[in-house]
Amino acid sequence: TISFNLDDTLGGSSHITASSLSVAITSP
């Protein structure tokens, strides 16, 4: 879940929550 509160001065705030996220990476 993500929320944003924006303003017009190159700014604002955000809040991110997650119970579980997974990233699998395969590379040389």
mmCIF file of all heavy atoms, coordinates in Angstrom:
data_MODEL
# 
_entry.id   MODEL 
# 
loop_
_atom_site.group_PDB 
_atom_site.id 
_atom_site.type_symbol 
_atom_site.label_atom_id 
_atom_site.label_alt_id 
_atom_site.label_comp_id 
_atom_site.label_asym_id 
_atom_site.label_entity_id 
_atom_site.label_seq_id 
_atom_site.pdbx_PDB_ins_code 
_atom_site.Cartn_x 
_atom_site.Cartn_y 
_atom_site.Cartn_z 
_atom_site.occupancy 
_atom_site.B_iso_or_equiv 
_atom_site.pdbx_formal_charge 
_atom_site.auth_seq_id 
_atom_site.auth_comp_id 
_atom_site.auth_asym_id 
_atom_site.auth_atom_id 
_atom_site.pdbx_PDB_model_num 
ATOM 1   N N   . THR A 1 1  ? 0.853  -1.185  0.000   1.00 0.00 ? 1  THR A N   1 
ATOM 2   C CA  . THR A 1 1  ? 0.000  0.000   0.000   1.00 0.00 ? 1  THR A CA  1 
ATOM 3   C C   . THR A 1 1  ? 0.881  1.224   0.000   1.00 0.00 ? 1  THR A C   1 
ATOM 4   O O   . THR A 1 1  ? 1.893  1.273   0.711   1.00 0.00 ? 1  THR A O   1 
ATOM 5   C CB  . THR A 1 1  ? -0.920 0.022   1.239   1.00 0.00 ? 1  THR A CB  1 
ATOM 6   O OG1 . THR A 1 1  ? -1.756 -1.131  1.220   1.00 0.00 ? 1  THR A OG1 1 
ATOM 7   C CG2 . THR A 1 1  ? -1.781 1.271   1.258   1.00 0.00 ? 1  THR A CG2 1 
ATOM 8   N N   . ILE A 1 2  ? 0.509  2.209   -0.790  1.00 0.00 ? 2  ILE A N   1 
ATOM 9   C CA  . ILE A 1 2  ? 1.310  3.420   -0.867  1.00 0.00 ? 2  ILE A CA  1 
ATOM 10  C C   . ILE A 1 2  ? 0.389  4.622   -0.911  1.00 0.00 ? 2  ILE A C   1 
ATOM 11  O O   . ILE A 1 2  ? -0.673 4.585   -1.545  1.00 0.00 ? 2  ILE A O   1 
ATOM 12  C CB  . ILE A 1 2  ? 2.251  3.395   -2.091  1.00 0.00 ? 2  ILE A CB  1 
ATOM 13  C CG1 . ILE A 1 2  ? 3.145  4.625   -2.112  1.00 0.00 ? 2  ILE A CG1 1 
ATOM 14  C CG2 . ILE A 1 2  ? 1.468  3.270   -3.398  1.00 0.00 ? 2  ILE A CG2 1 
ATOM 15  C CD1 . ILE A 1 2  ? 4.318  4.491   -3.065  1.00 0.00 ? 2  ILE A CD1 1 
ATOM 16  N N   . SER A 1 3  ? 0.768  5.681   -0.203  1.00 0.00 ? 3  SER A N   1 
ATOM 17  C CA  . SER A 1 3  ? -0.018 6.906   -0.232  1.00 0.00 ? 3  SER A CA  1 
ATOM 18  C C   . SER A 1 3  ? 0.903  8.086   -0.496  1.00 0.00 ? 3  SER A C   1 
ATOM 19  O O   . SER A 1 3  ? 2.080  8.070   -0.119  1.00 0.00 ? 3  SER A O   1 
ATOM 20  C CB  . SER A 1 3  ? -0.770 7.106   1.092   1.00 0.00 ? 3  SER A CB  1 
ATOM 21  O OG  . SER A 1 3  ? 0.144  7.203   2.178   1.00 0.00 ? 3  SER A OG  1 
ATOM 22  N N   . PHE A 1 4  ? 0.376  9.096   -1.169  1.00 0.00 ? 4  PHE A N   1 
ATOM 23  C CA  . PHE A 1 4  ? 1.135  10.294  -1.495  1.00 0.00 ? 4  PHE A CA  1 
ATOM 24  C C   . PHE A 1 4  ? 0.344  11.518  -1.067  1.00 0.00 ? 4  PHE A C   1 
ATOM 25  O O   . PHE A 1 4  ? -0.880 11.547  -1.178  1.00 0.00 ? 4  PHE A O   1 
ATOM 26  C CB  . PHE A 1 4  ? 1.361  10.426  -3.011  1.00 0.00 ? 4  PHE A CB  1 
ATOM 27  C CG  . PHE A 1 4  ? 1.959  9.221   -3.662  1.00 0.00 ? 4  PHE A CG  1 
ATOM 28  C CD1 . PHE A 1 4  ? 1.150  8.266   -4.259  1.00 0.00 ? 4  PHE A CD1 1 
ATOM 29  C CD2 . PHE A 1 4  ? 3.333  9.051   -3.709  1.00 0.00 ? 4  PHE A CD2 1 
ATOM 30  C CE1 . PHE A 1 4  ? 1.689  7.161   -4.881  1.00 0.00 ? 4  PHE A CE1 1 
ATOM 31  C CE2 . PHE A 1 4  ? 3.877  7.948   -4.320  1.00 0.00 ? 4  PHE A CE2 1 
ATOM 32  C CZ  . PHE A 1 4  ? 3.062  7.001   -4.910  1.00 0.00 ? 4  PHE A CZ  1 
ATOM 33  N N   . ASN A 1 5  ? 1.061  12.518  -0.616  1.00 0.00 ? 5  ASN A N   1 
ATOM 34  C CA  . ASN A 1 5  ? 0.468  13.831  -0.396  1.00 0.00 ? 5  ASN A CA  1 
ATOM 35  C C   . ASN A 1 5  ? 1.359  14.813  -1.134  1.00 0.00 ? 5  ASN A C   1 
ATOM 36  O O   . ASN A 1 5  ? 2.521  15.019  -0.759  1.00 0.00 ? 5  ASN A O   1 
ATOM 37  C CB  . ASN A 1 5  ? 0.395  14.156  1.096   1.00 0.00 ? 5  ASN A CB  1 
ATOM 38  C CG  . ASN A 1 5  ? -0.370 15.442  1.351   1.00 0.00 ? 5  ASN A CG  1 
ATOM 39  O OD1 . ASN A 1 5  ? -1.225 15.825  0.559   1.00 0.00 ? 5  ASN A OD1 1 
ATOM 40  N ND2 . ASN A 1 5  ? -0.057 16.112  2.444   1.00 0.00 ? 5  ASN A ND2 1 
ATOM 41  N N   . LEU A 1 6  ? 0.860  15.405  -2.192  1.00 0.00 ? 6  LEU A N   1 
ATOM 42  C CA  . LEU A 1 6  ? 1.688  16.170  -3.105  1.00 0.00 ? 6  LEU A CA  1 
ATOM 43  C C   . LEU A 1 6  ? 1.535  17.664  -2.869  1.00 0.00 ? 6  LEU A C   1 
ATOM 44  O O   . LEU A 1 6  ? 0.490  18.143  -2.437  1.00 0.00 ? 6  LEU A O   1 
ATOM 45  C CB  . LEU A 1 6  ? 1.302  15.848  -4.550  1.00 0.00 ? 6  LEU A CB  1 
ATOM 46  C CG  . LEU A 1 6  ? 1.186  14.366  -4.889  1.00 0.00 ? 6  LEU A CG  1 
ATOM 47  C CD1 . LEU A 1 6  ? 0.754  14.191  -6.333  1.00 0.00 ? 6  LEU A CD1 1 
ATOM 48  C CD2 . LEU A 1 6  ? 2.512  13.671  -4.639  1.00 0.00 ? 6  LEU A CD2 1 
ATOM 49  N N   . ASP A 1 7  ? 2.604  18.406  -3.182  1.00 0.00 ? 7  ASP A N   1 
ATOM 50  C CA  . ASP A 1 7  ? 2.493  19.854  -3.232  1.00 0.00 ? 7  ASP A CA  1 
ATOM 51  C C   . ASP A 1 7  ? 3.169  20.341  -4.506  1.00 0.00 ? 7  ASP A C   1 
ATOM 52  O O   . ASP A 1 7  ? 3.632  19.541  -5.318  1.00 0.00 ? 7  ASP A O   1 
ATOM 53  C CB  . ASP A 1 7  ? 3.072  20.519  -1.974  1.00 0.00 ? 7  ASP A CB  1 
ATOM 54  C CG  . ASP A 1 7  ? 4.571  20.287  -1.801  1.00 0.00 ? 7  ASP A CG  1 
ATOM 55  O OD1 . ASP A 1 7  ? 5.284  20.173  -2.826  1.00 0.00 ? 7  ASP A OD1 1 
ATOM 56  O OD2 . ASP A 1 7  ? 5.033  20.240  -0.661  1.00 0.00 ? 7  ASP A OD2 1 
ATOM 57  N N   . ASP A 1 8  ? 3.220  21.632  -4.702  1.00 0.00 ? 8  ASP A N   1 
ATOM 58  C CA  . ASP A 1 8  ? 3.730  22.163  -5.967  1.00 0.00 ? 8  ASP A CA  1 
ATOM 59  C C   . ASP A 1 8  ? 5.112  22.788  -5.823  1.00 0.00 ? 8  ASP A C   1 
ATOM 60  O O   . ASP A 1 8  ? 5.507  23.633  -6.607  1.00 0.00 ? 8  ASP A O   1 
ATOM 61  C CB  . ASP A 1 8  ? 2.758  23.198  -6.554  1.00 0.00 ? 8  ASP A CB  1 
ATOM 62  C CG  . ASP A 1 8  ? 2.500  24.359  -5.600  1.00 0.00 ? 8  ASP A CG  1 
ATOM 63  O OD1 . ASP A 1 8  ? 3.099  24.364  -4.512  1.00 0.00 ? 8  ASP A OD1 1 
ATOM 64  O OD2 . ASP A 1 8  ? 1.702  25.242  -5.967  1.00 0.00 ? 8  ASP A OD2 1 
ATOM 65  N N   . THR A 1 9  ? 5.883  22.368  -4.808  1.00 0.00 ? 9  THR A N   1 
ATOM 66  C CA  . THR A 1 9  ? 7.211  22.943  -4.595  1.00 0.00 ? 9  THR A CA  1 
ATOM 67  C C   . THR A 1 9  ? 8.287  21.875  -4.705  1.00 0.00 ? 9  THR A C   1 
ATOM 68  O O   . THR A 1 9  ? 9.246  21.868  -3.942  1.00 0.00 ? 9  THR A O   1 
ATOM 69  C CB  . THR A 1 9  ? 7.303  23.608  -3.207  1.00 0.00 ? 9  THR A CB  1 
ATOM 70  O OG1 . THR A 1 9  ? 7.074  22.600  -2.202  1.00 0.00 ? 9  THR A OG1 1 
ATOM 71  C CG2 . THR A 1 9  ? 6.280  24.712  -3.053  1.00 0.00 ? 9  THR A CG2 1 
ATOM 72  N N   . LEU A 1 10 ? 8.132  20.979  -5.672  1.00 0.00 ? 10 LEU A N   1 
ATOM 73  C CA  . LEU A 1 10 ? 9.046  19.856  -5.820  1.00 0.00 ? 10 LEU A CA  1 
ATOM 74  C C   . LEU A 1 10 ? 9.123  19.095  -4.507  1.00 0.00 ? 10 LEU A C   1 
ATOM 75  O O   . LEU A 1 10 ? 10.179 18.779  -3.989  1.00 0.00 ? 10 LEU A O   1 
ATOM 76  C CB  . LEU A 1 10 ? 10.454 20.319  -6.241  1.00 0.00 ? 10 LEU A CB  1 
ATOM 77  C CG  . LEU A 1 10 ? 11.417 19.218  -6.714  1.00 0.00 ? 10 LEU A CG  1 
ATOM 78  C CD1 . LEU A 1 10 ? 10.865 18.515  -7.938  1.00 0.00 ? 10 LEU A CD1 1 
ATOM 79  C CD2 . LEU A 1 10 ? 12.790 19.775  -7.002  1.00 0.00 ? 10 LEU A CD2 1 
ATOM 80  N N   . GLY A 1 11 ? 7.961  18.820  -3.955  1.00 0.00 ? 11 GLY A N   1 
ATOM 81  C CA  . GLY A 1 11 ? 7.954  18.155  -2.669  1.00 0.00 ? 11 GLY A CA  1 
ATOM 82  C C   . GLY A 1 11 ? 6.664  17.425  -2.407  1.00 0.00 ? 11 GLY A C   1 
ATOM 83  O O   . GLY A 1 11 ? 5.807  17.269  -3.265  1.00 0.00 ? 11 GLY A O   1 
ATOM 84  N N   . GLY A 1 12 ? 6.531  16.975  -1.160  1.00 0.00 ? 12 GLY A N   1 
ATOM 85  C CA  . GLY A 1 12 ? 5.373  16.203  -0.756  1.00 0.00 ? 12 GLY A CA  1 
ATOM 86  C C   . GLY A 1 12 ? 5.813  15.137  0.217   1.00 0.00 ? 12 GLY A C   1 
ATOM 87  O O   . GLY A 1 12 ? 6.903  15.196  0.795   1.00 0.00 ? 12 GLY A O   1 
ATOM 88  N N   . SER A 1 13 ? 4.969  14.144  0.424   1.00 0.00 ? 13 SER A N   1 
ATOM 89  C CA  . SER A 1 13 ? 5.313  13.055  1.324   1.00 0.00 ? 13 SER A CA  1 
ATOM 90  C C   . SER A 1 13 ? 4.711  11.769  0.789   1.00 0.00 ? 13 SER A C   1 
ATOM 91  O O   . SER A 1 13 ? 3.763  11.779  0.007   1.00 0.00 ? 13 SER A O   1 
ATOM 92  C CB  . SER A 1 13 ? 4.789  13.330  2.735   1.00 0.00 ? 13 SER A CB  1 
ATOM 93  O OG  . SER A 1 13 ? 3.372  13.450  2.731   1.00 0.00 ? 13 SER A OG  1 
ATOM 94  N N   . SER A 1 14 ? 5.282  10.655  1.215   1.00 0.00 ? 14 SER A N   1 
ATOM 95  C CA  . SER A 1 14 ? 4.763  9.357   0.821   1.00 0.00 ? 14 SER A CA  1 
ATOM 96  C C   . SER A 1 14 ? 4.920  8.377   1.970   1.00 0.00 ? 14 SER A C   1 
ATOM 97  O O   . SER A 1 14 ? 5.763  8.558   2.855   1.00 0.00 ? 14 SER A O   1 
ATOM 98  C CB  . SER A 1 14 ? 5.492  8.825   -0.424  1.00 0.00 ? 14 SER A CB  1 
ATOM 99  O OG  . SER A 1 14 ? 6.860  8.582   -0.138  1.00 0.00 ? 14 SER A OG  1 
ATOM 100 N N   . HIS A 1 15 ? 4.088  7.348   1.950   1.00 0.00 ? 15 HIS A N   1 
ATOM 101 C CA  . HIS A 1 15 ? 4.138  6.309   2.986   1.00 0.00 ? 15 HIS A CA  1 
ATOM 102 C C   . HIS A 1 15 ? 3.872  4.981   2.308   1.00 0.00 ? 15 HIS A C   1 
ATOM 103 O O   . HIS A 1 15 ? 2.874  4.816   1.610   1.00 0.00 ? 15 HIS A O   1 
ATOM 104 C CB  . HIS A 1 15 ? 3.089  6.589   4.056   1.00 0.00 ? 15 HIS A CB  1 
ATOM 105 C CG  . HIS A 1 15 ? 3.176  5.667   5.232   1.00 0.00 ? 15 HIS A CG  1 
ATOM 106 N ND1 . HIS A 1 15 ? 2.121  5.419   6.082   1.00 0.00 ? 15 HIS A ND1 1 
ATOM 107 C CD2 . HIS A 1 15 ? 4.203  4.916   5.716   1.00 0.00 ? 15 HIS A CD2 1 
ATOM 108 C CE1 . HIS A 1 15 ? 2.488  4.579   7.027   1.00 0.00 ? 15 HIS A CE1 1 
ATOM 109 N NE2 . HIS A 1 15 ? 3.743  4.252   6.821   1.00 0.00 ? 15 HIS A NE2 1 
ATOM 110 N N   . ILE A 1 16 ? 4.772  4.028   2.496   1.00 0.00 ? 16 ILE A N   1 
ATOM 111 C CA  . ILE A 1 16 ? 4.651  2.715   1.889   1.00 0.00 ? 16 ILE A CA  1 
ATOM 112 C C   . ILE A 1 16 ? 4.666  1.660   2.984   1.00 0.00 ? 16 ILE A C   1 
ATOM 113 O O   . ILE A 1 16 ? 5.517  1.693   3.873   1.00 0.00 ? 16 ILE A O   1 
ATOM 114 C CB  . ILE A 1 16 ? 5.808  2.436   0.915   1.00 0.00 ? 16 ILE A CB  1 
ATOM 115 C CG1 . ILE A 1 16 ? 5.852  3.493   -0.189  1.00 0.00 ? 16 ILE A CG1 1 
ATOM 116 C CG2 . ILE A 1 16 ? 5.684  1.044   0.306   1.00 0.00 ? 16 ILE A CG2 1 
ATOM 117 C CD1 . ILE A 1 16 ? 7.072  3.376   -1.067  1.00 0.00 ? 16 ILE A CD1 1 
ATOM 118 N N   . THR A 1 17 ? 3.740  0.717   2.925   1.00 0.00 ? 17 THR A N   1 
ATOM 119 C CA  . THR A 1 17 ? 3.750  -0.417  3.839   1.00 0.00 ? 17 THR A CA  1 
ATOM 120 C C   . THR A 1 17 ? 3.565  -1.702  3.040   1.00 0.00 ? 17 THR A C   1 
ATOM 121 O O   . THR A 1 17 ? 2.911  -1.713  1.995   1.00 0.00 ? 17 THR A O   1 
ATOM 122 C CB  . THR A 1 17 ? 2.620  -0.302  4.887   1.00 0.00 ? 17 THR A CB  1 
ATOM 123 O OG1 . THR A 1 17 ? 1.356  -0.236  4.231   1.00 0.00 ? 17 THR A OG1 1 
ATOM 124 C CG2 . THR A 1 17 ? 2.806  0.925   5.766   1.00 0.00 ? 17 THR A CG2 1 
ATOM 125 N N   . ALA A 1 18 ? 4.150  -2.770  3.530   1.00 0.00 ? 18 ALA A N   1 
ATOM 126 C CA  . ALA A 1 18 ? 4.010  -4.079  2.890   1.00 0.00 ? 18 ALA A CA  1 
ATOM 127 C C   . ALA A 1 18 ? 4.292  -5.157  3.911   1.00 0.00 ? 18 ALA A C   1 
ATOM 128 O O   . ALA A 1 18 ? 5.239  -5.048  4.697   1.00 0.00 ? 18 ALA A O   1 
ATOM 129 C CB  . ALA A 1 18 ? 4.967  -4.207  1.705   1.00 0.00 ? 18 ALA A CB  1 
ATOM 130 N N   . SER A 1 19 ? 3.470  -6.187  3.913   1.00 0.00 ? 19 SER A N   1 
ATOM 131 C CA  . SER A 1 19 ? 3.727  -7.312  4.814   1.00 0.00 ? 19 SER A CA  1 
ATOM 132 C C   . SER A 1 19 ? 4.780  -8.240  4.232   1.00 0.00 ? 19 SER A C   1 
ATOM 133 O O   . SER A 1 19 ? 5.583  -8.822  4.961   1.00 0.00 ? 19 SER A O   1 
ATOM 134 C CB  . SER A 1 19 ? 2.441  -8.088  5.087   1.00 0.00 ? 19 SER A CB  1 
ATOM 135 O OG  . SER A 1 19 ? 1.889  -8.572  3.874   1.00 0.00 ? 19 SER A OG  1 
ATOM 136 N N   . SER A 1 20 ? 4.794  -8.377  2.905   1.00 0.00 ? 20 SER A N   1 
ATOM 137 C CA  . SER A 1 20 ? 5.788  -9.250  2.283   1.00 0.00 ? 20 SER A CA  1 
ATOM 138 C C   . SER A 1 20 ? 5.957  -8.886  0.818   1.00 0.00 ? 20 SER A C   1 
ATOM 139 O O   . SER A 1 20 ? 4.975  -8.741  0.086   1.00 0.00 ? 20 SER A O   1 
ATOM 140 C CB  . SER A 1 20 ? 5.367  -10.717 2.397   1.00 0.00 ? 20 SER A CB  1 
ATOM 141 O OG  . SER A 1 20 ? 6.332  -11.568 1.807   1.00 0.00 ? 20 SER A OG  1 
ATOM 142 N N   . LEU A 1 21 ? 7.197  -8.732  0.403   1.00 0.00 ? 21 LEU A N   1 
ATOM 143 C CA  . LEU A 1 21 ? 7.552  -8.501  -0.991  1.00 0.00 ? 21 LEU A CA  1 
ATOM 144 C C   . LEU A 1 21 ? 8.741  -9.391  -1.314  1.00 0.00 ? 21 LEU A C   1 
ATOM 145 O O   . LEU A 1 21 ? 9.647  -9.552  -0.506  1.00 0.00 ? 21 LEU A O   1 
ATOM 146 C CB  . LEU A 1 21 ? 7.932  -7.041  -1.236  1.00 0.00 ? 21 LEU A CB  1 
ATOM 147 C CG  . LEU A 1 21 ? 6.806  -6.018  -1.271  1.00 0.00 ? 21 LEU A CG  1 
ATOM 148 C CD1 . LEU A 1 21 ? 7.389  -4.611  -1.203  1.00 0.00 ? 21 LEU A CD1 1 
ATOM 149 C CD2 . LEU A 1 21 ? 5.975  -6.179  -2.535  1.00 0.00 ? 21 LEU A CD2 1 
ATOM 150 N N   . SER A 1 22 ? 8.742  -9.952  -2.510  1.00 0.00 ? 22 SER A N   1 
ATOM 151 C CA  . SER A 1 22 ? 9.807  -10.862 -2.894  1.00 0.00 ? 22 SER A CA  1 
ATOM 152 C C   . SER A 1 22 ? 10.387 -10.444 -4.238  1.00 0.00 ? 22 SER A C   1 
ATOM 153 O O   . SER A 1 22 ? 9.647  -10.087 -5.162  1.00 0.00 ? 22 SER A O   1 
ATOM 154 C CB  . SER A 1 22 ? 9.262  -12.292 -2.989  1.00 0.00 ? 22 SER A CB  1 
ATOM 155 O OG  . SER A 1 22 ? 10.259 -13.185 -3.461  1.00 0.00 ? 22 SER A OG  1 
ATOM 156 N N   . VAL A 1 23 ? 11.708 -10.486 -4.333  1.00 0.00 ? 23 VAL A N   1 
ATOM 157 C CA  . VAL A 1 23 ? 12.399 -10.193 -5.583  1.00 0.00 ? 23 VAL A CA  1 
ATOM 158 C C   . VAL A 1 23 ? 13.447 -11.275 -5.806  1.00 0.00 ? 23 VAL A C   1 
ATOM 159 O O   . VAL A 1 23 ? 14.319 -11.496 -4.965  1.00 0.00 ? 23 VAL A O   1 
ATOM 160 C CB  . VAL A 1 23 ? 13.098 -8.816  -5.542  1.00 0.00 ? 23 VAL A CB  1 
ATOM 161 C CG1 . VAL A 1 23 ? 13.804 -8.551  -6.869  1.00 0.00 ? 23 VAL A CG1 1 
ATOM 162 C CG2 . VAL A 1 23 ? 12.091 -7.714  -5.259  1.00 0.00 ? 23 VAL A CG2 1 
ATOM 163 N N   . ALA A 1 24 ? 13.350 -11.969 -6.926  1.00 0.00 ? 24 ALA A N   1 
ATOM 164 C CA  . ALA A 1 24 ? 14.347 -12.975 -7.304  1.00 0.00 ? 24 ALA A CA  1 
ATOM 165 C C   . ALA A 1 24 ? 15.171 -12.419 -8.456  1.00 0.00 ? 24 ALA A C   1 
ATOM 166 O O   . ALA A 1 24 ? 14.627 -11.888 -9.426  1.00 0.00 ? 24 ALA A O   1 
ATOM 167 C CB  . ALA A 1 24 ? 13.671 -14.272 -7.718  1.00 0.00 ? 24 ALA A CB  1 
ATOM 168 N N   . ILE A 1 25 ? 16.490 -12.520 -8.353  1.00 0.00 ? 25 ILE A N   1 
ATOM 169 C CA  . ILE A 1 25 ? 17.407 -11.932 -9.324  1.00 0.00 ? 25 ILE A CA  1 
ATOM 170 C C   . ILE A 1 25 ? 18.308 -13.027 -9.880  1.00 0.00 ? 25 ILE A C   1 
ATOM 171 O O   . ILE A 1 25 ? 18.919 -13.789 -9.121  1.00 0.00 ? 25 ILE A O   1 
ATOM 172 C CB  . ILE A 1 25 ? 18.299 -10.866 -8.664  1.00 0.00 ? 25 ILE A CB  1 
ATOM 173 C CG1 . ILE A 1 25 ? 17.447 -9.832  -7.909  1.00 0.00 ? 25 ILE A CG1 1 
ATOM 174 C CG2 . ILE A 1 25 ? 19.201 -10.189 -9.691  1.00 0.00 ? 25 ILE A CG2 1 
ATOM 175 C CD1 . ILE A 1 25 ? 18.218 -9.120  -6.832  1.00 0.00 ? 25 ILE A CD1 1 
ATOM 176 N N   . THR A 1 26 ? 18.389 -13.096 -11.189 1.00 0.00 ? 26 THR A N   1 
ATOM 177 C CA  . THR A 1 26 ? 19.340 -13.985 -11.838 1.00 0.00 ? 26 THR A CA  1 
ATOM 178 C C   . THR A 1 26 ? 20.090 -13.170 -12.879 1.00 0.00 ? 26 THR A C   1 
ATOM 179 O O   . THR A 1 26 ? 19.480 -12.586 -13.770 1.00 0.00 ? 26 THR A O   1 
ATOM 180 C CB  . THR A 1 26 ? 18.639 -15.167 -12.533 1.00 0.00 ? 26 THR A CB  1 
ATOM 181 O OG1 . THR A 1 26 ? 17.826 -15.856 -11.580 1.00 0.00 ? 26 THR A OG1 1 
ATOM 182 C CG2 . THR A 1 26 ? 19.660 -16.131 -13.117 1.00 0.00 ? 26 THR A CG2 1 
ATOM 183 N N   . SER A 1 27 ? 21.417 -13.102 -12.757 1.00 0.00 ? 27 SER A N   1 
ATOM 184 C CA  . SER A 1 27 ? 22.215 -12.324 -13.696 1.00 0.00 ? 27 SER A CA  1 
ATOM 185 C C   . SER A 1 27 ? 23.601 -12.938 -13.783 1.00 0.00 ? 27 SER A C   1 
ATOM 186 O O   . SER A 1 27 ? 23.979 -13.776 -12.959 1.00 0.00 ? 27 SER A O   1 
ATOM 187 C CB  . SER A 1 27 ? 22.328 -10.870 -13.237 1.00 0.00 ? 27 SER A CB  1 
ATOM 188 O OG  . SER A 1 27 ? 23.246 -10.748 -12.160 1.00 0.00 ? 27 SER A OG  1 
ATOM 189 N N   . PRO A 1 28 ? 24.392 -12.518 -14.775 1.00 0.00 ? 28 PRO A N   1 
ATOM 190 C CA  . PRO A 1 28 ? 25.768 -13.025 -14.847 1.00 0.00 ? 28 PRO A CA  1 
ATOM 191 C C   . PRO A 1 28 ? 26.580 -12.698 -13.600 1.00 0.00 ? 28 PRO A C   1 
ATOM 192 O O   . PRO A 1 28 ? 27.506 -13.421 -13.241 1.00 0.00 ? 28 PRO A O   1 
ATOM 193 C CB  . PRO A 1 28 ? 26.328 -12.301 -16.078 1.00 0.00 ? 28 PRO A CB  1 
ATOM 194 C CG  . PRO A 1 28 ? 25.136 -12.007 -16.918 1.00 0.00 ? 28 PRO A CG  1 
ATOM 195 C CD  . PRO A 1 28 ? 24.046 -11.691 -15.943 1.00 0.00 ? 28 PRO A CD  1 
# 
